[in-house]
Amino acid sequence: QVQLVESGGGSVRPGGSLSLSCAASGSPRAADPMAWYRQAPGKEREEVATAISGISWYADAVKGRFSVFRDYGKNTISLQMNRLKPEDTATYYCKLSVSGKGDYWGQGTQVTVSS
């Protein structure tokens, strides 16, 4: 019943910035975690940032550079990415976990950081 759509990906030089957004259909609860994951070619998918009930968590690799904002009323989550590095290159996915129903994933948006 839930659909998620990411947007905002693109190509940027090292040190640049990008902002990703994800819109979720339905009415997820604040207690339902929403998160950003990323997956680079040949690598495992990894969690980047999570927002739940007003609390945010960041992976060590992005702390101080990325900021997550979740609008619990509009059912959106964004990821502001600053001082991007080549190792940030990946497909970024939005995820919503709904208790009793499971996990829902967006289609992904590509972020490429290169000189």
Protein backbone atom coordinates (compact mmCIF):
# COMPACT_ATOMS: atom_id res chain seq x y z
CA GLN A 1 0.00 0.00 0.00
CA VAL A 2 3.02 2.25 0.44
CA GLN A 3 5.03 3.74 -2.39
CA LEU A 4 8.19 5.81 -2.11
CA VAL A 5 9.74 7.99 -4.78
CA GLU A 6 13.23 9.50 -4.53
CA SER A 7 14.49 12.52 -6.43
CA GLY A 8 17.42 14.91 -6.47
CA GLY A 9 20.27 12.69 -7.57
CA GLY A 10 22.86 13.79 -10.07
CA SER A 11 26.53 14.37 -10.76
CA VAL A 12 28.65 16.73 -8.70
CA ARG A 13 32.30 17.62 -8.17
CA PRO A 14 34.07 16.65 -4.95
CA GLY A 15 33.24 19.18 -2.26
CA GLY A 16 29.90 19.97 -3.82
CA SER A 17 26.41 19.50 -2.46
CA LEU A 18 23.22 17.70 -3.39
CA SER A 19 19.84 17.39 -1.76
CA LEU A 20 17.76 14.23 -2.04
CA SER A 21 14.11 13.92 -1.24
CA CYS A 22 11.68 11.06 -0.81
CA ALA A 23 7.91 11.20 -0.76
CA ALA A 24 5.90 8.38 0.78
CA SER A 25 2.30 7.61 -0.01
CA GLY A 26 -0.16 6.74 2.70
CA SER A 27 0.16 7.96 6.25
CA PRO A 28 3.21 6.48 7.94
CA ARG A 29 3.45 7.01 11.66
CA ALA A 30 6.26 8.90 13.34
CA ALA A 31 7.22 5.65 15.02
CA ASP A 32 7.70 4.01 11.61
CA PRO A 33 11.39 4.45 10.77
CA MET A 34 12.32 6.17 7.54
CA ALA A 35 15.88 5.92 6.38
CA TRP A 36 18.34 6.55 3.59
CA TYR A 37 20.51 3.72 2.33
CA ARG A 38 23.10 3.63 -0.41
CA GLN A 39 24.72 0.96 -2.50
CA ALA A 40 27.83 1.31 -4.63
CA PRO A 41 28.66 -1.17 -7.42
CA GLY A 42 30.01 -4.39 -5.96
CA LYS A 43 29.29 -3.27 -2.41
CA GLU A 44 26.64 -4.14 0.16
CA ARG A 45 23.78 -1.77 0.73
CA GLU A 46 24.49 0.35 3.80
CA GLU A 47 22.41 2.59 6.02
CA VAL A 48 23.28 6.27 5.77
CA ALA A 49 20.76 8.08 7.96
CA THR A 50 17.56 7.27 9.83
CA ALA A 51 14.76 9.38 11.28
CA ILE A 52 12.23 8.10 13.79
CA SER A 53 10.04 9.99 16.24
CA GLY A 54 12.16 13.12 16.00
CA ILE A 55 15.46 11.31 16.46
CA SER A 56 18.13 11.16 13.77
CA TRP A 57 21.01 8.75 13.31
CA TYR A 58 23.95 8.99 10.92
CA ALA A 59 26.57 6.59 9.74
CA ASP A 60 30.10 7.54 10.79
CA ALA A 61 31.11 8.03 7.17
CA VAL A 62 28.68 10.91 6.71
CA LYS A 63 28.55 12.54 10.15
CA GLY A 64 29.12 16.27 9.96
CA ARG A 65 28.48 16.33 6.22
CA PHE A 66 24.95 14.99 5.75
CA SER A 67 21.75 16.16 7.40
CA VAL A 68 18.44 14.32 7.38
CA PHE A 69 15.11 16.04 7.78
CA ARG A 70 11.81 14.25 8.07
CA ASP A 71 8.52 16.06 7.73
CA TYR A 72 6.12 13.87 9.66
CA GLY A 73 3.11 15.82 8.39
CA LYS A 74 3.96 15.71 4.68
CA ASN A 75 5.39 12.19 4.82
CA THR A 76 8.65 13.23 3.24
CA ILE A 77 12.28 12.75 4.14
CA SER A 78 15.21 14.64 2.69
CA LEU A 79 18.96 14.24 2.81
CA GLN A 80 21.18 17.28 2.49
CA MET A 81 24.63 16.15 1.41
CA ASN A 82 27.52 18.59 1.75
CA ARG A 83 31.24 18.30 1.09
CA LEU A 84 30.65 15.27 -1.06
CA LYS A 85 33.46 12.80 -1.65
CA PRO A 86 34.04 10.29 -4.45
CA GLU A 87 33.31 7.49 -1.99
CA ASP A 88 29.79 8.88 -1.63
CA THR A 89 29.09 7.73 -5.17
CA ALA A 90 26.23 5.23 -5.01
CA THR A 91 22.59 4.65 -5.67
CA TYR A 92 20.63 6.12 -2.79
CA TYR A 93 17.43 4.49 -1.62
CA CYS A 94 14.63 5.63 0.65
CA LYS A 95 13.22 3.04 3.05
CA LEU A 96 10.12 2.95 5.21
CA SER A 97 9.57 0.25 7.81
CA VAL A 98 5.97 -0.34 8.82
CA SER A 99 5.30 -2.49 11.86
CA GLY A 100 3.33 -5.57 10.95
CA LYS A 101 3.69 -5.01 7.21
CA GLY A 102 7.38 -4.92 6.40
CA ASP A 103 9.88 -2.74 4.59
CA TYR A 104 9.17 -0.55 1.59
CA TRP A 105 11.86 0.75 -0.77
CA GLY A 106 12.04 3.47 -3.35
CA GLN A 107 13.46 2.88 -6.81
CA GLY A 108 16.72 4.63 -6.01
CA THR A 109 18.43 7.75 -7.31
CA GLN A 110 22.00 7.89 -8.56
CA VAL A 111 24.60 10.15 -6.98
CA THR A 112 27.95 10.46 -8.72
CA VAL A 113 30.84 12.43 -7.23
CA SER A 114 33.82 12.79 -9.54
CA SER A 115 36.28 15.34 -10.83
